[in-house]
N, C-alpha and C. Protein backbone atom coordinates (compact mmCIF):
# COMPACT_ATOMS: atom_id res chain seq x y z
N MET A 1 34.25 -7.22 -2.65
CA MET A 1 34.11 -6.05 -1.80
C MET A 1 34.34 -6.47 -0.35
N LEU A 2 35.16 -5.69 0.38
CA LEU A 2 35.43 -6.02 1.77
C LEU A 2 34.26 -5.55 2.63
N ILE A 3 33.55 -6.51 3.21
CA ILE A 3 32.34 -6.23 3.98
C ILE A 3 32.59 -6.56 5.45
N SER A 4 32.31 -5.59 6.30
CA SER A 4 32.46 -5.79 7.74
C SER A 4 31.29 -6.59 8.30
N GLU A 5 30.08 -6.21 7.91
CA GLU A 5 28.89 -6.90 8.41
C GLU A 5 27.67 -6.51 7.58
N ILE A 6 26.69 -7.40 7.58
CA ILE A 6 25.37 -7.14 6.99
C ILE A 6 24.35 -7.55 8.04
N PHE A 7 23.45 -6.64 8.38
CA PHE A 7 22.49 -6.95 9.44
C PHE A 7 21.18 -6.21 9.23
N HIS A 8 20.15 -6.70 9.90
CA HIS A 8 18.80 -6.14 9.82
C HIS A 8 18.50 -5.45 11.15
N SER A 9 18.11 -4.18 11.08
CA SER A 9 17.82 -3.43 12.30
C SER A 9 16.88 -2.28 11.96
N LEU A 10 16.69 -1.39 12.92
CA LEU A 10 15.96 -0.15 12.69
C LEU A 10 16.97 0.96 12.41
N GLN A 11 16.66 1.80 11.43
CA GLN A 11 17.51 2.96 11.22
C GLN A 11 17.49 3.81 12.49
N GLY A 12 18.67 4.08 13.03
CA GLY A 12 18.74 4.77 14.32
C GLY A 12 18.97 6.25 14.24
N GLU A 13 19.23 6.77 13.03
CA GLU A 13 19.61 8.18 12.91
C GLU A 13 18.92 8.83 11.71
N GLY A 14 18.69 10.13 11.83
CA GLY A 14 18.25 10.90 10.68
C GLY A 14 16.76 10.85 10.42
N GLU A 15 16.38 11.32 9.24
CA GLU A 15 14.96 11.50 8.94
C GLU A 15 14.21 10.19 8.76
N LEU A 16 14.92 9.09 8.57
CA LEU A 16 14.27 7.77 8.45
C LEU A 16 14.40 6.97 9.74
N ILE A 17 14.59 7.63 10.85
CA ILE A 17 14.75 6.94 12.13
C ILE A 17 13.55 6.02 12.38
N GLY A 18 13.84 4.81 12.82
CA GLY A 18 12.80 3.83 13.11
C GLY A 18 12.41 2.95 11.96
N VAL A 19 12.88 3.23 10.74
CA VAL A 19 12.50 2.43 9.57
C VAL A 19 13.32 1.13 9.53
N PRO A 20 12.65 -0.04 9.45
CA PRO A 20 13.40 -1.29 9.33
C PRO A 20 14.27 -1.27 8.07
N SER A 21 15.53 -1.61 8.24
CA SER A 21 16.50 -1.49 7.15
C SER A 21 17.53 -2.60 7.23
N VAL A 22 18.10 -2.93 6.08
CA VAL A 22 19.26 -3.82 6.03
C VAL A 22 20.49 -2.94 5.87
N PHE A 23 21.45 -3.12 6.76
CA PHE A 23 22.68 -2.35 6.73
C PHE A 23 23.79 -3.18 6.12
N VAL A 24 24.43 -2.62 5.10
CA VAL A 24 25.60 -3.24 4.49
C VAL A 24 26.78 -2.36 4.84
N ARG A 25 27.61 -2.84 5.76
CA ARG A 25 28.74 -2.04 6.23
C ARG A 25 30.03 -2.47 5.52
N THR A 26 30.55 -1.57 4.70
CA THR A 26 31.83 -1.82 4.06
C THR A 26 32.95 -1.54 5.06
N SER A 27 34.09 -2.14 4.82
CA SER A 27 35.23 -1.97 5.72
C SER A 27 36.31 -1.16 5.02
N GLY A 28 36.83 -0.16 5.73
CA GLY A 28 37.83 0.74 5.17
C GLY A 28 37.33 2.17 5.19
N CYS A 29 38.22 3.09 5.53
CA CYS A 29 37.82 4.50 5.63
C CYS A 29 39.03 5.38 5.33
N ASN A 30 38.76 6.54 4.75
CA ASN A 30 39.82 7.50 4.46
C ASN A 30 39.99 8.53 5.57
N LEU A 31 39.25 8.37 6.68
CA LEU A 31 39.38 9.22 7.86
C LEU A 31 39.66 8.35 9.08
N ARG A 32 40.03 8.99 10.18
CA ARG A 32 40.25 8.29 11.44
C ARG A 32 39.65 9.13 12.58
N CYS A 33 38.33 9.17 12.64
CA CYS A 33 37.66 10.01 13.63
C CYS A 33 37.98 9.54 15.05
N ASN A 34 38.28 10.49 15.90
CA ASN A 34 38.70 10.19 17.27
C ASN A 34 37.65 9.39 18.03
N TRP A 35 36.37 9.71 17.81
CA TRP A 35 35.28 9.09 18.56
C TRP A 35 34.56 8.00 17.76
N CYS A 36 35.16 7.51 16.70
CA CYS A 36 34.50 6.54 15.81
C CYS A 36 33.90 5.38 16.60
N ASP A 37 32.62 5.08 16.34
CA ASP A 37 31.96 3.98 17.05
C ASP A 37 31.99 2.67 16.26
N THR A 38 32.65 2.69 15.10
CA THR A 38 32.84 1.45 14.33
C THR A 38 34.31 1.32 13.94
N PRO A 39 35.23 1.27 14.91
CA PRO A 39 36.66 1.20 14.58
C PRO A 39 37.04 -0.04 13.78
N TYR A 40 36.23 -1.09 13.87
CA TYR A 40 36.50 -2.32 13.12
C TYR A 40 36.27 -2.13 11.63
N ALA A 41 35.70 -0.98 11.24
CA ALA A 41 35.52 -0.68 9.82
C ALA A 41 36.33 0.54 9.40
N SER A 42 37.12 1.10 10.33
CA SER A 42 37.90 2.30 10.00
C SER A 42 39.31 2.22 10.56
N TRP A 43 39.47 2.38 11.87
CA TRP A 43 40.80 2.36 12.47
C TRP A 43 41.51 1.03 12.22
N ASN A 44 40.78 -0.05 12.39
CA ASN A 44 41.33 -1.39 12.19
C ASN A 44 40.39 -2.18 11.29
N PRO A 45 40.40 -1.89 9.99
CA PRO A 45 39.43 -2.50 9.09
C PRO A 45 39.52 -4.02 9.08
N GLU A 46 38.37 -4.64 9.26
CA GLU A 46 38.30 -6.09 9.21
C GLU A 46 37.04 -6.48 8.48
N GLY A 47 37.03 -7.67 7.94
CA GLY A 47 35.83 -8.11 7.22
C GLY A 47 36.14 -9.27 6.31
N GLU A 48 35.21 -9.51 5.41
CA GLU A 48 35.30 -10.64 4.49
C GLU A 48 35.05 -10.15 3.07
N ASN A 49 35.87 -10.58 2.14
CA ASN A 49 35.64 -10.23 0.74
C ASN A 49 34.43 -11.02 0.22
N ARG A 50 33.43 -10.27 -0.23
CA ARG A 50 32.19 -10.92 -0.67
C ARG A 50 31.84 -10.43 -2.08
N SER A 51 31.28 -11.32 -2.85
CA SER A 51 30.88 -10.98 -4.22
C SER A 51 29.58 -10.19 -4.19
N LEU A 52 29.30 -9.53 -5.30
CA LEU A 52 28.04 -8.80 -5.44
C LEU A 52 26.86 -9.74 -5.24
N GLU A 53 26.91 -10.90 -5.83
CA GLU A 53 25.81 -11.86 -5.72
C GLU A 53 25.60 -12.32 -4.28
N ASP A 54 26.68 -12.50 -3.56
CA ASP A 54 26.59 -12.93 -2.17
C ASP A 54 25.95 -11.84 -1.31
N ILE A 55 26.38 -10.61 -1.50
CA ILE A 55 25.81 -9.50 -0.74
C ILE A 55 24.31 -9.38 -0.99
N LEU A 56 23.93 -9.45 -2.25
CA LEU A 56 22.51 -9.33 -2.61
C LEU A 56 21.69 -10.48 -2.03
N ALA A 57 22.27 -11.66 -1.99
CA ALA A 57 21.56 -12.81 -1.43
C ALA A 57 21.31 -12.63 0.06
N VAL A 58 22.28 -12.08 0.78
CA VAL A 58 22.09 -11.84 2.21
C VAL A 58 21.03 -10.77 2.43
N VAL A 59 21.10 -9.69 1.67
CA VAL A 59 20.10 -8.62 1.78
C VAL A 59 18.69 -9.17 1.56
N ALA A 60 18.55 -10.06 0.59
CA ALA A 60 17.23 -10.60 0.23
C ALA A 60 16.63 -11.49 1.30
N ARG A 61 17.42 -11.93 2.27
CA ARG A 61 16.88 -12.77 3.34
C ARG A 61 15.92 -12.01 4.25
N TYR A 62 16.04 -10.69 4.25
CA TYR A 62 15.28 -9.88 5.21
C TYR A 62 14.09 -9.22 4.52
N PRO A 63 13.03 -8.91 5.28
CA PRO A 63 11.83 -8.33 4.67
C PRO A 63 11.94 -6.85 4.34
N ALA A 64 12.93 -6.17 4.87
CA ALA A 64 13.03 -4.71 4.70
C ALA A 64 13.29 -4.34 3.24
N LYS A 65 12.71 -3.23 2.83
CA LYS A 65 12.92 -2.70 1.48
C LYS A 65 13.80 -1.46 1.49
N HIS A 66 14.34 -1.13 2.65
CA HIS A 66 15.31 -0.05 2.77
C HIS A 66 16.68 -0.67 3.02
N VAL A 67 17.67 -0.24 2.25
CA VAL A 67 19.05 -0.69 2.44
C VAL A 67 19.92 0.53 2.72
N VAL A 68 20.77 0.40 3.73
CA VAL A 68 21.70 1.46 4.10
C VAL A 68 23.11 1.00 3.79
N LEU A 69 23.78 1.71 2.90
CA LEU A 69 25.19 1.45 2.60
C LEU A 69 26.02 2.35 3.50
N THR A 70 26.78 1.74 4.39
CA THR A 70 27.47 2.49 5.42
C THR A 70 28.89 1.95 5.56
N GLY A 71 29.63 2.48 6.52
CA GLY A 71 31.01 2.05 6.68
C GLY A 71 31.50 2.24 8.10
N GLY A 72 32.79 2.57 8.27
CA GLY A 72 33.73 2.98 7.25
C GLY A 72 33.21 4.08 6.33
N GLU A 73 33.81 4.12 5.16
CA GLU A 73 33.37 5.05 4.11
C GLU A 73 32.99 4.22 2.89
N PRO A 74 31.68 4.01 2.67
CA PRO A 74 31.27 3.14 1.57
C PRO A 74 31.69 3.64 0.20
N MET A 75 31.89 4.94 0.05
CA MET A 75 32.21 5.48 -1.27
C MET A 75 33.61 5.12 -1.74
N ILE A 76 34.45 4.59 -0.87
CA ILE A 76 35.77 4.14 -1.33
C ILE A 76 35.80 2.64 -1.60
N ALA A 77 34.69 1.96 -1.36
CA ALA A 77 34.64 0.51 -1.55
C ALA A 77 34.56 0.16 -3.03
N LYS A 78 35.42 -0.74 -3.47
CA LYS A 78 35.38 -1.20 -4.85
C LYS A 78 34.07 -1.93 -5.11
N GLY A 79 33.38 -1.53 -6.16
CA GLY A 79 32.13 -2.17 -6.52
C GLY A 79 30.90 -1.52 -5.91
N ILE A 80 31.07 -0.40 -5.22
CA ILE A 80 29.91 0.22 -4.55
C ILE A 80 28.89 0.73 -5.57
N HIS A 81 29.33 1.24 -6.70
CA HIS A 81 28.39 1.73 -7.72
C HIS A 81 27.58 0.57 -8.28
N GLU A 82 28.22 -0.54 -8.54
CA GLU A 82 27.52 -1.71 -9.08
C GLU A 82 26.51 -2.25 -8.06
N LEU A 83 26.90 -2.28 -6.79
CA LEU A 83 25.99 -2.75 -5.75
C LEU A 83 24.77 -1.84 -5.65
N ALA A 84 25.00 -0.54 -5.61
CA ALA A 84 23.88 0.40 -5.50
C ALA A 84 22.95 0.30 -6.70
N GLU A 85 23.51 0.16 -7.88
CA GLU A 85 22.69 0.07 -9.09
C GLU A 85 21.83 -1.19 -9.08
N GLU A 86 22.40 -2.30 -8.63
CA GLU A 86 21.64 -3.54 -8.60
C GLU A 86 20.56 -3.49 -7.52
N LEU A 87 20.85 -2.87 -6.39
CA LEU A 87 19.82 -2.69 -5.35
C LEU A 87 18.66 -1.85 -5.88
N ARG A 88 18.99 -0.80 -6.61
CA ARG A 88 17.93 0.03 -7.20
C ARG A 88 17.10 -0.79 -8.18
N ARG A 89 17.76 -1.58 -9.01
CA ARG A 89 17.05 -2.38 -10.01
C ARG A 89 16.07 -3.34 -9.33
N ARG A 90 16.42 -3.79 -8.13
CA ARG A 90 15.57 -4.72 -7.40
C ARG A 90 14.53 -4.03 -6.52
N GLY A 91 14.45 -2.71 -6.61
CA GLY A 91 13.37 -1.99 -5.95
C GLY A 91 13.64 -1.53 -4.53
N TYR A 92 14.88 -1.56 -4.10
CA TYR A 92 15.20 -1.12 -2.74
C TYR A 92 15.35 0.40 -2.67
N HIS A 93 14.95 0.96 -1.53
CA HIS A 93 15.29 2.35 -1.21
C HIS A 93 16.72 2.34 -0.66
N ILE A 94 17.57 3.21 -1.20
CA ILE A 94 18.99 3.19 -0.84
C ILE A 94 19.37 4.46 -0.11
N THR A 95 19.88 4.31 1.11
CA THR A 95 20.52 5.40 1.83
C THR A 95 22.02 5.15 1.82
N ILE A 96 22.78 6.19 1.51
CA ILE A 96 24.23 6.09 1.60
C ILE A 96 24.70 6.99 2.73
N GLU A 97 25.37 6.39 3.71
CA GLU A 97 25.93 7.14 4.83
C GLU A 97 27.40 7.41 4.53
N THR A 98 27.74 8.68 4.34
CA THR A 98 29.07 9.06 3.88
C THR A 98 29.54 10.31 4.61
N ALA A 99 30.85 10.46 4.70
CA ALA A 99 31.42 11.68 5.28
C ALA A 99 31.46 12.81 4.27
N GLY A 100 31.12 12.53 3.03
CA GLY A 100 31.08 13.59 2.02
C GLY A 100 32.46 14.04 1.57
N THR A 101 33.40 13.11 1.49
CA THR A 101 34.75 13.44 1.01
C THR A 101 35.02 12.87 -0.38
N ILE A 102 34.10 12.04 -0.88
CA ILE A 102 34.21 11.42 -2.21
C ILE A 102 32.98 11.82 -3.02
N ARG A 103 33.18 12.27 -4.24
CA ARG A 103 32.07 12.74 -5.07
C ARG A 103 31.09 11.61 -5.39
N PRO A 104 29.79 11.94 -5.52
CA PRO A 104 28.79 10.90 -5.80
C PRO A 104 28.89 10.31 -7.20
N ASP A 105 29.24 11.14 -8.19
CA ASP A 105 29.47 10.67 -9.56
C ASP A 105 28.41 9.69 -10.06
N GLY A 106 27.14 10.05 -9.90
CA GLY A 106 26.04 9.29 -10.49
C GLY A 106 25.64 8.04 -9.76
N ILE A 107 26.09 7.84 -8.53
CA ILE A 107 25.73 6.63 -7.80
C ILE A 107 24.24 6.59 -7.52
N ALA A 108 23.65 5.41 -7.59
CA ALA A 108 22.23 5.23 -7.27
C ALA A 108 22.03 5.47 -5.78
N CYS A 109 21.15 6.40 -5.46
CA CYS A 109 20.97 6.79 -4.05
C CYS A 109 19.66 7.54 -3.91
N ASP A 110 18.82 7.11 -2.96
CA ASP A 110 17.56 7.80 -2.70
C ASP A 110 17.68 8.83 -1.59
N LEU A 111 18.59 8.61 -0.65
CA LEU A 111 18.86 9.58 0.42
C LEU A 111 20.35 9.56 0.72
N ALA A 112 20.98 10.72 0.54
CA ALA A 112 22.39 10.87 0.92
C ALA A 112 22.43 11.39 2.34
N SER A 113 22.90 10.55 3.25
CA SER A 113 23.06 10.95 4.65
C SER A 113 24.53 11.34 4.83
N VAL A 114 24.78 12.63 4.70
CA VAL A 114 26.15 13.14 4.63
C VAL A 114 26.55 13.70 5.99
N SER A 115 27.67 13.23 6.51
CA SER A 115 28.11 13.63 7.84
C SER A 115 29.49 14.29 7.76
N PRO A 116 29.52 15.60 7.45
CA PRO A 116 30.82 16.29 7.41
C PRO A 116 31.45 16.28 8.80
N LYS A 117 32.73 16.06 8.85
CA LYS A 117 33.41 15.91 10.13
C LYS A 117 33.96 17.25 10.63
N LEU A 118 33.69 17.53 11.90
CA LEU A 118 34.16 18.74 12.56
C LEU A 118 35.56 18.51 13.13
N SER A 119 36.15 19.57 13.67
CA SER A 119 37.48 19.45 14.27
C SER A 119 37.49 18.52 15.48
N ASN A 120 36.30 18.28 16.07
CA ASN A 120 36.24 17.35 17.21
C ASN A 120 36.56 15.91 16.81
N SER A 121 36.63 15.66 15.51
CA SER A 121 36.89 14.30 15.02
C SER A 121 38.38 14.00 14.87
N THR A 122 39.22 15.02 14.96
CA THR A 122 40.65 14.84 14.69
C THR A 122 41.26 13.78 15.60
N PRO A 123 41.98 12.81 15.05
CA PRO A 123 42.50 11.72 15.88
C PRO A 123 43.54 12.18 16.87
N ASP A 124 43.62 11.45 17.99
CA ASP A 124 44.58 11.78 19.03
C ASP A 124 45.91 11.06 18.77
N ASP A 125 46.73 10.95 19.80
CA ASP A 125 48.08 10.43 19.63
C ASP A 125 48.15 8.92 19.49
N ARG A 126 47.00 8.25 19.38
CA ARG A 126 47.04 6.81 19.14
C ARG A 126 47.61 6.48 17.77
N LEU A 127 47.57 7.46 16.86
CA LEU A 127 48.06 7.24 15.51
C LEU A 127 49.25 8.15 15.23
N PRO A 128 50.11 7.79 14.29
CA PRO A 128 51.20 8.68 13.89
C PRO A 128 50.66 10.02 13.40
N SER A 129 51.48 11.06 13.52
CA SER A 129 51.05 12.41 13.16
C SER A 129 50.63 12.50 11.70
N ALA A 130 51.17 11.64 10.85
CA ALA A 130 50.79 11.68 9.43
C ALA A 130 49.31 11.42 9.24
N TRP A 131 48.71 10.56 10.07
CA TRP A 131 47.28 10.29 9.95
C TRP A 131 46.47 11.50 10.38
N LYS A 132 46.93 12.19 11.41
CA LYS A 132 46.24 13.41 11.84
C LYS A 132 46.23 14.43 10.72
N GLU A 133 47.37 14.60 10.07
CA GLU A 133 47.48 15.55 8.97
C GLU A 133 46.59 15.13 7.80
N ARG A 134 46.58 13.85 7.51
CA ARG A 134 45.75 13.35 6.41
C ARG A 134 44.27 13.55 6.71
N HIS A 135 43.88 13.26 7.95
CA HIS A 135 42.49 13.44 8.37
C HIS A 135 42.08 14.90 8.22
N GLU A 136 42.91 15.81 8.72
CA GLU A 136 42.58 17.23 8.67
C GLU A 136 42.48 17.73 7.23
N ALA A 137 43.32 17.21 6.37
CA ALA A 137 43.31 17.65 4.97
C ALA A 137 42.11 17.10 4.20
N THR A 138 41.49 16.05 4.72
CA THR A 138 40.44 15.33 3.99
C THR A 138 39.05 15.59 4.51
N ARG A 139 38.89 15.86 5.79
CA ARG A 139 37.58 15.77 6.45
C ARG A 139 36.54 16.76 5.94
N PHE A 140 36.94 17.92 5.42
CA PHE A 140 35.96 18.89 4.94
C PHE A 140 36.29 19.27 3.51
N GLN A 141 35.42 18.85 2.58
CA GLN A 141 35.61 19.07 1.15
C GLN A 141 34.39 19.81 0.60
N PRO A 142 34.40 21.15 0.63
CA PRO A 142 33.20 21.90 0.21
C PRO A 142 32.70 21.55 -1.19
N ASP A 143 33.60 21.39 -2.15
CA ASP A 143 33.17 21.08 -3.51
C ASP A 143 32.45 19.73 -3.57
N VAL A 144 32.96 18.76 -2.83
CA VAL A 144 32.34 17.44 -2.80
C VAL A 144 30.98 17.51 -2.12
N LEU A 145 30.91 18.23 -1.02
CA LEU A 145 29.63 18.38 -0.32
C LEU A 145 28.59 19.06 -1.20
N ARG A 146 29.01 20.06 -1.95
CA ARG A 146 28.07 20.72 -2.87
C ARG A 146 27.55 19.73 -3.91
N ALA A 147 28.41 18.85 -4.38
CA ALA A 147 27.98 17.84 -5.36
C ALA A 147 26.92 16.91 -4.76
N TRP A 148 27.08 16.53 -3.50
CA TRP A 148 26.08 15.69 -2.84
C TRP A 148 24.77 16.45 -2.64
N ILE A 149 24.86 17.71 -2.26
CA ILE A 149 23.66 18.52 -2.07
C ILE A 149 22.91 18.70 -3.39
N ASP A 150 23.64 18.94 -4.45
CA ASP A 150 23.03 19.26 -5.74
C ASP A 150 22.43 18.03 -6.44
N ARG A 151 22.84 16.83 -6.04
CA ARG A 151 22.40 15.63 -6.77
C ARG A 151 20.98 15.20 -6.42
N GLY A 152 20.45 15.60 -5.25
CA GLY A 152 19.10 15.16 -4.89
C GLY A 152 18.89 15.14 -3.39
N ALA A 153 18.03 14.23 -2.92
CA ALA A 153 17.64 14.18 -1.51
C ALA A 153 18.86 13.96 -0.62
N TYR A 154 18.94 14.77 0.44
CA TYR A 154 20.10 14.69 1.33
C TYR A 154 19.73 15.16 2.72
N GLN A 155 20.60 14.82 3.67
CA GLN A 155 20.58 15.41 5.00
C GLN A 155 22.03 15.60 5.41
N LEU A 156 22.31 16.69 6.13
CA LEU A 156 23.64 16.94 6.66
C LEU A 156 23.60 16.65 8.15
N LYS A 157 24.41 15.70 8.57
CA LYS A 157 24.35 15.18 9.93
C LYS A 157 25.69 15.45 10.62
N PHE A 158 25.65 16.30 11.65
CA PHE A 158 26.87 16.67 12.35
C PHE A 158 26.92 16.00 13.72
N VAL A 159 28.06 15.41 14.04
CA VAL A 159 28.29 14.83 15.36
C VAL A 159 28.82 15.93 16.27
N VAL A 160 28.08 16.22 17.34
CA VAL A 160 28.38 17.36 18.21
C VAL A 160 28.88 16.86 19.56
N SER A 161 30.05 17.36 19.95
CA SER A 161 30.64 16.98 21.24
C SER A 161 30.42 18.02 22.32
N SER A 162 30.42 19.30 21.93
CA SER A 162 30.32 20.38 22.91
C SER A 162 29.66 21.59 22.27
N PRO A 163 29.19 22.56 23.08
CA PRO A 163 28.58 23.77 22.52
C PRO A 163 29.49 24.52 21.57
N ALA A 164 30.80 24.40 21.75
CA ALA A 164 31.73 25.10 20.87
C ALA A 164 31.61 24.63 19.42
N ASP A 165 31.10 23.43 19.21
CA ASP A 165 30.96 22.90 17.85
C ASP A 165 29.92 23.66 17.04
N LEU A 166 28.99 24.32 17.70
CA LEU A 166 27.88 24.96 16.98
C LEU A 166 28.36 26.10 16.09
N ASP A 167 29.32 26.89 16.57
CA ASP A 167 29.86 27.96 15.74
C ASP A 167 30.59 27.38 14.52
N GLU A 168 31.30 26.29 14.73
CA GLU A 168 32.00 25.66 13.62
C GLU A 168 31.01 25.15 12.57
N ILE A 169 29.91 24.60 13.01
CA ILE A 169 28.88 24.13 12.07
C ILE A 169 28.36 25.29 11.23
N GLN A 170 28.10 26.42 11.88
CA GLN A 170 27.62 27.60 11.14
C GLN A 170 28.63 28.03 10.08
N ARG A 171 29.91 28.00 10.43
CA ARG A 171 30.95 28.39 9.47
C ARG A 171 31.02 27.41 8.30
N LEU A 172 30.91 26.13 8.59
CA LEU A 172 30.98 25.14 7.52
C LEU A 172 29.79 25.25 6.58
N ILE A 173 28.62 25.46 7.14
CA ILE A 173 27.42 25.63 6.30
C ILE A 173 27.58 26.84 5.40
N ALA A 174 28.09 27.95 5.96
CA ALA A 174 28.29 29.16 5.16
C ALA A 174 29.27 28.90 4.02
N ALA A 175 30.29 28.09 4.28
CA ALA A 175 31.31 27.81 3.26
C ALA A 175 30.77 26.99 2.10
N LEU A 176 29.62 26.35 2.28
CA LEU A 176 29.05 25.54 1.21
C LEU A 176 28.41 26.39 0.12
N GLU A 177 28.09 27.64 0.44
CA GLU A 177 27.50 28.56 -0.55
C GLU A 177 26.24 27.98 -1.17
N ARG A 178 25.44 27.37 -0.34
CA ARG A 178 24.15 26.83 -0.75
C ARG A 178 23.11 27.25 0.28
N GLN A 179 21.87 27.39 -0.16
CA GLN A 179 20.78 27.68 0.76
C GLN A 179 20.31 26.35 1.36
N VAL A 180 20.94 25.96 2.44
CA VAL A 180 20.61 24.68 3.07
C VAL A 180 19.50 24.91 4.09
N PRO A 181 18.30 24.35 3.88
CA PRO A 181 17.22 24.52 4.85
C PRO A 181 17.62 23.98 6.22
N ARG A 182 17.17 24.66 7.27
CA ARG A 182 17.53 24.23 8.62
C ARG A 182 17.05 22.80 8.91
N ASP A 183 15.94 22.40 8.30
CA ASP A 183 15.46 21.04 8.59
C ASP A 183 16.27 19.97 7.87
N LYS A 184 17.26 20.39 7.06
CA LYS A 184 18.19 19.43 6.46
C LYS A 184 19.48 19.31 7.28
N ILE A 185 19.60 20.12 8.33
CA ILE A 185 20.79 20.12 9.17
C ILE A 185 20.46 19.42 10.48
N LEU A 186 21.06 18.27 10.69
CA LEU A 186 20.77 17.44 11.86
C LEU A 186 21.96 17.47 12.81
N LEU A 187 21.69 17.74 14.07
CA LEU A 187 22.74 17.75 15.09
C LEU A 187 22.56 16.52 15.97
N MET A 188 23.61 15.71 16.04
CA MET A 188 23.54 14.42 16.72
C MET A 188 24.58 14.38 17.83
N PRO A 189 24.19 13.94 19.03
CA PRO A 189 25.15 13.89 20.13
C PRO A 189 26.28 12.90 19.87
N GLU A 190 27.50 13.32 20.18
CA GLU A 190 28.62 12.38 20.18
C GLU A 190 28.48 11.50 21.41
N ALA A 191 28.31 10.21 21.19
CA ALA A 191 28.09 9.28 22.30
C ALA A 191 28.34 7.86 21.85
N ARG A 192 28.91 7.07 22.74
CA ARG A 192 29.10 5.65 22.47
C ARG A 192 28.44 4.78 23.54
N THR A 193 27.75 5.42 24.48
CA THR A 193 27.00 4.69 25.50
C THR A 193 25.65 5.37 25.68
N PRO A 194 24.62 4.63 26.12
CA PRO A 194 23.32 5.26 26.39
C PRO A 194 23.42 6.36 27.44
N GLU A 195 24.30 6.19 28.40
CA GLU A 195 24.45 7.20 29.46
C GLU A 195 24.99 8.51 28.88
N ARG A 196 26.00 8.41 28.05
CA ARG A 196 26.56 9.60 27.41
C ARG A 196 25.53 10.23 26.48
N LEU A 197 24.76 9.43 25.79
CA LEU A 197 23.72 9.94 24.90
C LEU A 197 22.72 10.78 25.66
N ARG A 198 22.24 10.28 26.77
CA ARG A 198 21.26 11.03 27.56
C ARG A 198 21.87 12.30 28.15
N GLU A 199 23.12 12.21 28.53
CA GLU A 199 23.83 13.37 29.07
C GLU A 199 23.93 14.49 28.04
N GLN A 200 24.22 14.13 26.81
CA GLN A 200 24.38 15.11 25.74
C GLN A 200 23.05 15.61 25.18
N ALA A 201 22.04 14.76 25.23
CA ALA A 201 20.77 15.07 24.57
C ALA A 201 20.10 16.31 25.15
N GLY A 202 20.20 16.52 26.45
CA GLY A 202 19.49 17.63 27.08
C GLY A 202 19.90 18.98 26.53
N TRP A 203 21.18 19.29 26.61
CA TRP A 203 21.62 20.61 26.17
C TRP A 203 21.57 20.75 24.64
N LEU A 204 21.87 19.65 23.91
CA LEU A 204 21.88 19.75 22.46
C LEU A 204 20.47 19.94 21.90
N SER A 205 19.49 19.27 22.48
CA SER A 205 18.11 19.44 22.01
C SER A 205 17.65 20.88 22.22
N GLU A 206 18.08 21.50 23.30
CA GLU A 206 17.73 22.91 23.54
C GLU A 206 18.40 23.82 22.51
N GLN A 207 19.63 23.51 22.15
CA GLN A 207 20.31 24.30 21.13
C GLN A 207 19.62 24.15 19.77
N CYS A 208 19.12 22.97 19.49
CA CYS A 208 18.39 22.76 18.24
C CYS A 208 17.11 23.60 18.22
N LYS A 209 16.42 23.65 19.33
CA LYS A 209 15.20 24.47 19.41
C LYS A 209 15.53 25.93 19.19
N ALA A 210 16.62 26.38 19.79
CA ALA A 210 17.00 27.80 19.68
C ALA A 210 17.47 28.16 18.28
N GLY A 211 18.17 27.22 17.62
CA GLY A 211 18.75 27.54 16.32
C GLY A 211 17.94 27.07 15.13
N GLY A 212 16.86 26.32 15.37
CA GLY A 212 16.03 25.84 14.28
C GLY A 212 16.57 24.61 13.57
N PHE A 213 17.56 23.94 14.18
CA PHE A 213 18.10 22.72 13.59
C PHE A 213 17.26 21.52 14.01
N ARG A 214 17.46 20.40 13.33
CA ARG A 214 16.81 19.16 13.74
C ARG A 214 17.70 18.43 14.73
N TYR A 215 17.09 17.96 15.80
CA TYR A 215 17.83 17.12 16.74
C TYR A 215 17.79 15.69 16.22
N ALA A 216 18.96 15.05 16.15
CA ALA A 216 19.05 13.69 15.64
C ALA A 216 19.45 12.75 16.77
N HIS A 217 18.51 11.96 17.22
CA HIS A 217 18.80 11.00 18.28
C HIS A 217 19.56 9.80 17.70
N ARG A 218 20.02 8.91 18.57
CA ARG A 218 20.69 7.69 18.14
C ARG A 218 19.91 6.52 18.73
N LEU A 219 18.83 6.17 18.03
CA LEU A 219 17.88 5.20 18.54
C LEU A 219 18.53 3.84 18.81
N HIS A 220 19.41 3.42 17.93
CA HIS A 220 20.05 2.12 18.09
C HIS A 220 20.88 2.05 19.37
N LEU A 221 21.51 3.17 19.72
CA LEU A 221 22.30 3.21 20.95
C LEU A 221 21.40 3.13 22.18
N GLU A 222 20.26 3.79 22.10
CA GLU A 222 19.29 3.76 23.20
C GLU A 222 18.70 2.35 23.36
N LEU A 223 18.40 1.71 22.24
CA LEU A 223 17.75 0.39 22.29
C LEU A 223 18.71 -0.75 22.60
N TYR A 224 19.89 -0.71 21.99
CA TYR A 224 20.77 -1.88 22.00
C TYR A 224 22.12 -1.65 22.67
N GLY A 225 22.45 -0.39 22.98
CA GLY A 225 23.80 -0.11 23.45
C GLY A 225 24.77 -0.13 22.27
N ASN A 226 26.04 0.00 22.58
CA ASN A 226 27.06 0.04 21.53
C ASN A 226 27.47 -1.38 21.15
N ARG A 227 26.59 -2.06 20.40
CA ARG A 227 26.84 -3.44 19.99
C ARG A 227 26.87 -3.55 18.48
N ARG A 228 27.73 -4.40 17.98
CA ARG A 228 27.76 -4.65 16.54
C ARG A 228 26.47 -5.32 16.10
N GLY A 229 26.14 -5.11 14.84
CA GLY A 229 24.95 -5.76 14.28
C GLY A 229 23.65 -5.14 14.71
N THR A 230 23.69 -3.87 15.13
CA THR A 230 22.46 -3.20 15.55
C THR A 230 22.30 -1.85 14.85
C-alpha cells in the first residue's frame, strides 16, 4: 500500500476533535481539490509502499486506540479493507476520512467522516482541462453518499470558502433524500494558515448558529500550522 505518512497527533476536525489518534495517510486521490492542504497525497502523490504488517507495527508504537485512515482518498488504496479489518480485530476505533465518492462495501469503520466536495473545490488552470472535467464528474455522488449514511455512524463535513457555499450545501443535502440531522452536518473553514482560519471562523460560526449546523474548527492548524505529520 502506498503510504504518505503515519503519525501520532490530536484529531483536529469533527466530532472527535482533540482525541489522540494515529493517522495513516494513504497516497493517491481521485479528485484534485483546488485548496487541498495535502497535495503530496493527491496532486503529486508521494510515499512508500508498505506491507500490512509494517503499517500495523508502526501504529502499535503509539498509545492511541483511535486510528484515522485518511488521504488522499483512502478508499482507493489497495489493501484498505484488509487494513481496516485487522485494525478492528486489534481493538482500534477506526475513522475513515473520505470524500464519499467510493462505496463503503462493508469496510470496517466506526466513524465515517465524509467530506462531499463543493464547487469551490474545482481545480484551476494548474492542471489540464481533462482533470477539471474528471473532478466535476466525480466530486458529488449521491448514491455513494447515501450508502455511507445508511451503513452507520457518520458525519458530513463541508469545506466552506464563502457565504455563497451555504446555499450549495443545502441543495446537496436535499439531493441525498435522507433525513440528515443538523448536528451531523459540519461546516469547516477553508484555510491553510492559522490567520486564514481565524479570518473565516468569525462569519462561519455565526452562520452555523443561525442555521443549526455544527461549526468544525481545525485544531491541528491552530496548534501546529500547516505542517506535515500533525
